Amino acid sequence: MRTPLPTVPVTLALIGTCILVYLLMMWNQEWVVRGLLISVYYHPALPEIRGGEVWRLITPAFLHFGLFHIVFNLLWTWEFGRLIESRQGGLMLLLLFLVCSLAANIAQYQVDGPAFGGMSGVIYAFFGYTWTQGFANPRFGVRLNPPVIYLLLGWFVICWTGILESLFGLGVANTAHTAGLVSGLAVSLAVIVWQRLVR
């Protein structure tokens, strides 16, 4: 008998939203992108956010530019999302997504401006969270395999070298990756401390 797939509605909702946004971009990319970026033009005071369009702090995560971009990101979203959600629930995954996408998006915006999108910052948050939960929280019940850790850390370093931009012209949101990883680690450590305090 096959092992049934875990019920992971939040993970599926994140993936479904990314796919829907990608399909809408195929219909009218400019309209979708202008509606979901933090801001159309860089301004440190975040005028659109101050005007009440607070969703823009989160929605750049749903933008993907190209088939490889979305497929790569959604495969990792599925792997890490279902791992976290099946063990700690959809609310935990949703809170992690909101906190870490906020951190990744704001950091990337302040360093390089509004022209970015994708779930990669969130993926590095999920990675950092899952990695530390695996070895520091016995309740989590699973550890990441070393090849996964090496792959994602290696990709992180490769992206920071700038070689992808030099050779292939690919823009990489390195600040979002870094802020995502740091925020994921921070949330994980906060969860571990809280669980130990309430024992």
C-alpha atoms as a PDB file:
ATOM      1  CA  MET A   1       0.000   0.000   0.000  1.00  0.00           C
ATOM      2  CA  ARG A   2       1.136   3.520  -0.731  1.00  0.00           C
ATOM      3  CA  THR A   3       1.649   5.889   2.165  1.00  0.00           C
ATOM      4  CA  PRO A   4      -1.061   8.563   1.903  1.00  0.00           C
ATOM      5  CA  LEU A   5       0.085  12.093   1.225  1.00  0.00           C
ATOM      6  CA  PRO A   6      -0.051  14.381   4.264  1.00  0.00           C
ATOM      7  CA  THR A   7      -2.832  16.940   4.426  1.00  0.00           C
ATOM      8  CA  VAL A   8      -0.997  20.207   3.861  1.00  0.00           C
ATOM      9  CA  PRO A   9      -3.493  22.885   2.780  1.00  0.00           C
ATOM     10  CA  VAL A  10      -1.240  25.877   3.507  1.00  0.00           C
ATOM     11  CA  THR A  11       1.608  24.420   1.452  1.00  0.00           C
ATOM     12  CA  LEU A  12      -0.778  23.727  -1.412  1.00  0.00           C
ATOM     13  CA  ALA A  13      -2.278  27.216  -1.096  1.00  0.00           C
ATOM     14  CA  LEU A  14       1.165  28.823  -1.389  1.00  0.00           C
ATOM     15  CA  ILE A  15       1.984  26.725  -4.440  1.00  0.00           C
ATOM     16  CA  GLY A  16      -1.432  27.334  -5.987  1.00  0.00           C
ATOM     17  CA  THR A  17      -1.137  31.093  -5.493  1.00  0.00           C
ATOM     18  CA  CYS A  18       2.272  31.143  -7.185  1.00  0.00           C
ATOM     19  CA  ILE A  19       0.907  29.175 -10.142  1.00  0.00           C
ATOM     20  CA  LEU A  20      -2.155  31.427 -10.435  1.00  0.00           C
ATOM     21  CA  VAL A  21       0.005  34.567 -10.383  1.00  0.00           C
ATOM     22  CA  TYR A  22       2.344  33.045 -12.991  1.00  0.00           C
ATOM     23  CA  LEU A  23      -0.592  32.279 -15.295  1.00  0.00           C
ATOM     24  CA  LEU A  24      -1.969  35.792 -14.825  1.00  0.00           C
ATOM     25  CA  MET A  25       1.465  37.176 -15.727  1.00  0.00           C
ATOM     26  CA  MET A  26       1.288  35.269 -19.012  1.00  0.00           C
ATOM     27  CA  TRP A  27      -1.926  37.182 -19.714  1.00  0.00           C
ATOM     28  CA  ASN A  28      -0.824  40.654 -18.558  1.00  0.00           C
ATOM     29  CA  GLN A  29       2.587  40.720 -16.904  1.00  0.00           C
ATOM     30  CA  GLU A  30       2.863  44.483 -16.426  1.00  0.00           C
ATOM     31  CA  TRP A  31      -0.494  44.764 -14.652  1.00  0.00           C
ATOM     32  CA  VAL A  32       0.233  41.849 -12.308  1.00  0.00           C
ATOM     33  CA  VAL A  33       3.780  42.907 -11.499  1.00  0.00           C
ATOM     34  CA  ARG A  34       2.800  46.519 -10.824  1.00  0.00           C
ATOM     35  CA  GLY A  35       0.086  45.301  -8.474  1.00  0.00           C
ATOM     36  CA  LEU A  36       2.265  42.922  -6.458  1.00  0.00           C
ATOM     37  CA  LEU A  37       5.664  44.618  -6.173  1.00  0.00           C
ATOM     38  CA  ILE A  38       6.371  46.453  -2.914  1.00  0.00           C
ATOM     39  CA  SER A  39       6.537  49.629  -4.981  1.00  0.00           C
ATOM     40  CA  VAL A  40       6.796  50.418  -8.662  1.00  0.00           C
ATOM     41  CA  TYR A  41       9.641  52.855  -7.973  1.00  0.00           C
ATOM     42  CA  TYR A  42      12.039  52.796  -5.050  1.00  0.00           C
ATOM     43  CA  HIS A  43      11.208  55.150  -2.214  1.00  0.00           C
ATOM     44  CA  PRO A  44      12.544  54.516   1.321  1.00  0.00           C
ATOM     45  CA  ALA A  45       9.290  55.758   2.882  1.00  0.00           C
ATOM     46  CA  LEU A  46       7.254  53.008   1.145  1.00  0.00           C
ATOM     47  CA  PRO A  47       4.441  55.302  -0.100  1.00  0.00           C
ATOM     48  CA  GLU A  48       2.147  52.510  -1.332  1.00  0.00           C
ATOM     49  CA  ILE A  49       2.385  50.736   2.023  1.00  0.00           C
ATOM     50  CA  ARG A  50       1.669  53.955   3.898  1.00  0.00           C
ATOM     51  CA  GLY A  51      -1.303  54.386   1.602  1.00  0.00           C
ATOM     52  CA  GLY A  52      -2.796  51.132   2.891  1.00  0.00           C
ATOM     53  CA  GLU A  53      -1.555  48.626   0.291  1.00  0.00           C
ATOM     54  CA  VAL A  54       0.081  46.464   2.962  1.00  0.00           C
ATOM     55  CA  TRP A  55      -0.219  43.258   0.939  1.00  0.00           C
ATOM     56  CA  ARG A  56       2.712  44.507  -1.143  1.00  0.00           C
ATOM     57  CA  LEU A  57       5.079  43.614   1.714  1.00  0.00           C
ATOM     58  CA  ILE A  58       4.270  39.932   1.102  1.00  0.00           C
ATOM     59  CA  THR A  59       3.173  39.559  -2.516  1.00  0.00           C
ATOM     60  CA  PRO A  60       6.571  39.836  -4.280  1.00  0.00           C
ATOM     61  CA  ALA A  61       7.102  36.253  -3.082  1.00  0.00           C
ATOM     62  CA  PHE A  62       4.393  35.103  -5.509  1.00  0.00           C
ATOM     63  CA  LEU A  63       6.030  36.648  -8.596  1.00  0.00           C
ATOM     64  CA  HIS A  64       8.148  34.362 -10.787  1.00  0.00           C
ATOM     65  CA  PHE A  65       9.907  35.263 -14.004  1.00  0.00           C
ATOM     66  CA  GLY A  66      10.356  32.198 -16.172  1.00  0.00           C
ATOM     67  CA  LEU A  67       9.550  28.499 -16.041  1.00  0.00           C
ATOM     68  CA  PHE A  68      12.805  27.426 -14.370  1.00  0.00           C
ATOM     69  CA  HIS A  69      12.339  30.082 -11.689  1.00  0.00           C
ATOM     70  CA  ILE A  70       8.875  28.918 -10.670  1.00  0.00           C
ATOM     71  CA  VAL A  71       9.503  25.169 -10.992  1.00  0.00           C
ATOM     72  CA  PHE A  72      12.695  25.317  -8.912  1.00  0.00           C
ATOM     73  CA  ASN A  73      11.055  27.408  -6.204  1.00  0.00           C
ATOM     74  CA  LEU A  74       7.847  25.404  -6.009  1.00  0.00           C
ATOM     75  CA  LEU A  75       9.659  22.080  -5.744  1.00  0.00           C
ATOM     76  CA  TRP A  76      11.467  23.363  -2.634  1.00  0.00           C
ATOM     77  CA  THR A  77       8.293  24.995  -1.324  1.00  0.00           C
ATOM     78  CA  TRP A  78       6.609  21.599  -1.519  1.00  0.00           C
ATOM     79  CA  GLU A  79       9.498  19.759   0.122  1.00  0.00           C
ATOM     80  CA  PHE A  80       9.952  22.121   3.064  1.00  0.00           C
ATOM     81  CA  GLY A  81       6.353  23.289   3.361  1.00  0.00           C
ATOM     82  CA  ARG A  82       4.845  19.834   3.757  1.00  0.00           C
ATOM     83  CA  LEU A  83       7.647  18.820   6.144  1.00  0.00           C
ATOM     84  CA  ILE A  84       6.890  21.730   8.472  1.00  0.00           C
ATOM     85  CA  GLU A  85       3.110  21.684   8.079  1.00  0.00           C
ATOM     86  CA  SER A  86       2.697  17.938   8.610  1.00  0.00           C
ATOM     87  CA  ARG A  87       4.628  18.168  11.898  1.00  0.00           C
ATOM     88  CA  GLN A  88       3.712  21.555  13.344  1.00  0.00           C
ATOM     89  CA  GLY A  89       0.511  22.519  11.571  1.00  0.00           C
ATOM     90  CA  GLY A  90      -0.669  24.949   8.962  1.00  0.00           C
ATOM     91  CA  LEU A  91      -0.789  27.917  11.326  1.00  0.00           C
ATOM     92  CA  MET A  92       2.914  27.540  12.121  1.00  0.00           C
ATOM     93  CA  LEU A  93       3.780  27.363   8.435  1.00  0.00           C
ATOM     94  CA  LEU A  94       1.606  30.372   7.627  1.00  0.00           C
ATOM     95  CA  LEU A  95       3.162  32.463  10.413  1.00  0.00           C
ATOM     96  CA  LEU A  96       6.634  31.417   9.271  1.00  0.00           C
ATOM     97  CA  PHE A  97       5.801  32.398   5.694  1.00  0.00           C
ATOM     98  CA  LEU A  98       4.412  35.793   6.701  1.00  0.00           C
ATOM     99  CA  VAL A  99       7.255  36.730   9.050  1.00  0.00           C
ATOM    100  CA  CYS A 100      10.045  35.553   6.781  1.00  0.00           C
ATOM    101  CA  SER A 101       8.644  36.825   3.489  1.00  0.00           C
ATOM    102  CA  LEU A 102       8.213  40.189   5.197  1.00  0.00           C
ATOM    103  CA  ALA A 103      11.848  40.154   6.336  1.00  0.00           C
ATOM    104  CA  ALA A 104      13.195  38.959   2.980  1.00  0.00           C
ATOM    105  CA  ASN A 105      11.134  41.373   0.880  1.00  0.00           C
ATOM    106  CA  ILE A 106      11.843  44.483   2.941  1.00  0.00           C
ATOM    107  CA  ALA A 107      15.567  43.713   3.104  1.00  0.00           C
ATOM    108  CA  GLN A 108      15.806  43.128  -0.655  1.00  0.00           C
ATOM    109  CA  TYR A 109      13.794  46.272  -1.394  1.00  0.00           C
ATOM    110  CA  GLN A 110      15.943  48.491   0.803  1.00  0.00           C
ATOM    111  CA  VAL A 111      19.214  47.160  -0.653  1.00  0.00           C
ATOM    112  CA  ASP A 112      18.415  46.775  -4.361  1.00  0.00           C
ATOM    113  CA  GLY A 113      15.045  48.391  -4.995  1.00  0.00           C
ATOM    114  CA  PRO A 114      11.675  46.940  -6.022  1.00  0.00           C
ATOM    115  CA  ALA A 115      12.645  44.887  -9.092  1.00  0.00           C
ATOM    116  CA  PHE A 116      12.570  41.383  -7.601  1.00  0.00           C
ATOM    117  CA  GLY A 117      10.233  38.499  -6.968  1.00  0.00           C
ATOM    118  CA  GLY A 118      10.024  34.834  -6.079  1.00  0.00           C
ATOM    119  CA  MET A 119       9.798  32.414  -3.186  1.00  0.00           C
ATOM    120  CA  SER A 120      13.551  31.892  -2.841  1.00  0.00           C
ATOM    121  CA  GLY A 121      13.862  34.071   0.261  1.00  0.00           C
ATOM    122  CA  VAL A 122      11.022  32.106   1.842  1.00  0.00           C
ATOM    123  CA  ILE A 123      12.617  28.824   0.773  1.00  0.00           C
ATOM    124  CA  TYR A 124      15.819  29.751   2.575  1.00  0.00           C
ATOM    125  CA  ALA A 125      13.706  30.652   5.606  1.00  0.00           C
ATOM    126  CA  PHE A 126      12.010  27.239   5.466  1.00  0.00           C
ATOM    127  CA  PHE A 127      15.426  25.631   5.033  1.00  0.00           C
ATOM    128  CA  GLY A 128      16.935  27.439   8.026  1.00  0.00           C
ATOM    129  CA  TYR A 129      13.885  26.658  10.124  1.00  0.00           C
ATOM    130  CA  THR A 130      13.798  22.958   9.213  1.00  0.00           C
ATOM    131  CA  TRP A 131      17.554  22.553   9.600  1.00  0.00           C
ATOM    132  CA  THR A 132      17.646  23.882  13.166  1.00  0.00           C
ATOM    133  CA  GLN A 133      14.401  22.186  14.179  1.00  0.00           C
ATOM    134  CA  GLY A 134      15.858  18.887  13.025  1.00  0.00           C
ATOM    135  CA  PHE A 135      18.902  18.900  15.272  1.00  0.00           C
ATOM    136  CA  ALA A 136      17.721  21.065  18.189  1.00  0.00           C
ATOM    137  CA  ASN A 137      14.074  20.078  18.624  1.00  0.00           C
ATOM    138  CA  PRO A 138      13.440  16.359  19.295  1.00  0.00           C
ATOM    139  CA  ARG A 139       9.698  16.914  18.832  1.00  0.00           C
ATOM    140  CA  PHE A 140      10.214  17.761  15.161  1.00  0.00           C
ATOM    141  CA  GLY A 141      11.183  14.188  14.446  1.00  0.00           C
ATOM    142  CA  VAL A 142      13.216  14.523  11.249  1.00  0.00           C
ATOM    143  CA  ARG A 143      16.603  15.849  10.178  1.00  0.00           C
ATOM    144  CA  LEU A 144      17.594  17.156   6.785  1.00  0.00           C
ATOM    145  CA  ASN A 145      19.882  14.899   4.807  1.00  0.00           C
ATOM    146  CA  PRO A 146      23.438  16.291   4.479  1.00  0.00           C
ATOM    147  CA  PRO A 147      23.245  16.470   0.636  1.00  0.00           C
ATOM    148  CA  VAL A 148      20.245  18.814   0.906  1.00  0.00           C
ATOM    149  CA  ILE A 149      22.121  21.047   3.354  1.00  0.00           C
ATOM    150  CA  TYR A 150      25.242  21.109   1.173  1.00  0.00           C
ATOM    151  CA  LEU A 151      23.207  21.786  -1.975  1.00  0.00           C
ATOM    152  CA  LEU A 152      21.331  24.764  -0.572  1.00  0.00           C
ATOM    153  CA  LEU A 153      24.339  26.258   1.194  1.00  0.00           C
ATOM    154  CA  GLY A 154      26.411  25.737  -1.952  1.00  0.00           C
ATOM    155  CA  TRP A 155      23.768  27.422  -4.102  1.00  0.00           C
ATOM    156  CA  PHE A 156      23.622  30.273  -1.580  1.00  0.00           C
ATOM    157  CA  VAL A 157      27.379  30.858  -1.939  1.00  0.00           C
ATOM    158  CA  ILE A 158      27.344  30.492  -5.742  1.00  0.00           C
ATOM    159  CA  CYS A 159      24.603  33.109  -6.003  1.00  0.00           C
ATOM    160  CA  TRP A 160      26.591  35.547  -3.868  1.00  0.00           C
ATOM    161  CA  THR A 161      29.680  35.192  -6.099  1.00  0.00           C
ATOM    162  CA  GLY A 162      27.800  36.884  -8.951  1.00  0.00           C
ATOM    163  CA  ILE A 163      28.755  34.167 -11.431  1.00  0.00           C
ATOM    164  CA  LEU A 164      25.133  33.555 -12.442  1.00  0.00           C
ATOM    165  CA  GLU A 165      24.718  37.204 -13.363  1.00  0.00           C
ATOM    166  CA  SER A 166      28.059  37.347 -15.186  1.00  0.00           C
ATOM    167  CA  LEU A 167      27.603  34.172 -17.237  1.00  0.00           C
ATOM    168  CA  PHE A 168      23.850  33.957 -17.732  1.00  0.00           C
ATOM    169  CA  GLY A 169      22.518  37.435 -16.967  1.00  0.00           C
ATOM    170  CA  LEU A 170      20.388  36.091 -14.142  1.00  0.00           C
ATOM    171  CA  GLY A 171      19.418  38.578 -11.465  1.00  0.00           C
ATOM    172  CA  VAL A 172      19.527  36.940  -8.041  1.00  0.00           C
ATOM    173  CA  ALA A 173      17.910  38.374  -4.905  1.00  0.00           C
ATOM    174  CA  ASN A 174      20.832  37.576  -2.626  1.00  0.00           C
ATOM    175  CA  THR A 175      19.704  39.915   0.124  1.00  0.00           C
ATOM    176  CA  ALA A 176      16.320  38.179   0.192  1.00  0.00           C
ATOM    177  CA  HIS A 177      18.071  34.797   0.446  1.00  0.00           C
ATOM    178  CA  THR A 178      20.159  36.031   3.360  1.00  0.00           C
ATOM    179  CA  ALA A 179      17.322  37.750   5.204  1.00  0.00           C
ATOM    180  CA  GLY A 180      15.138  34.699   4.662  1.00  0.00           C
ATOM    181  CA  LEU A 181      17.759  32.332   6.024  1.00  0.00           C
ATOM    182  CA  VAL A 182      18.458  34.516   9.066  1.00  0.00           C
ATOM    183  CA  SER A 183      14.773  35.055   9.835  1.00  0.00           C
ATOM    184  CA  GLY A 184      14.033  31.338   9.470  1.00  0.00           C
ATOM    185  CA  LEU A 185      16.824  30.503  11.897  1.00  0.00           C
ATOM    186  CA  ALA A 186      15.573  33.173  14.308  1.00  0.00           C
ATOM    187  CA  VAL A 187      11.980  31.914  14.257  1.00  0.00           C
ATOM    188  CA  SER A 188      13.173  28.342  14.765  1.00  0.00           C
ATOM    189  CA  LEU A 189      15.286  29.298  17.766  1.00  0.00           C
ATOM    190  CA  ALA A 190      12.362  31.271  19.217  1.00  0.00           C
ATOM    191  CA  VAL A 191      10.098  28.220  18.857  1.00  0.00           C
ATOM    192  CA  ILE A 192      12.676  25.974  20.522  1.00  0.00           C
ATOM    193  CA  VAL A 193      13.136  28.375  23.459  1.00  0.00           C
ATOM    194  CA  TRP A 194       9.377  28.792  23.874  1.00  0.00           C
ATOM    195  CA  GLN A 195       8.778  25.021  23.864  1.00  0.00           C
ATOM    196  CA  ARG A 196      11.429  24.525  26.537  1.00  0.00           C
ATOM    197  CA  LEU A 197       9.978  27.284  28.707  1.00  0.00           C
ATOM    198  CA  VAL A 198       6.459  25.811  28.650  1.00  0.00           C
ATOM    199  CA  ARG A 199       7.467  22.237  29.426  1.00  0.00           C
END
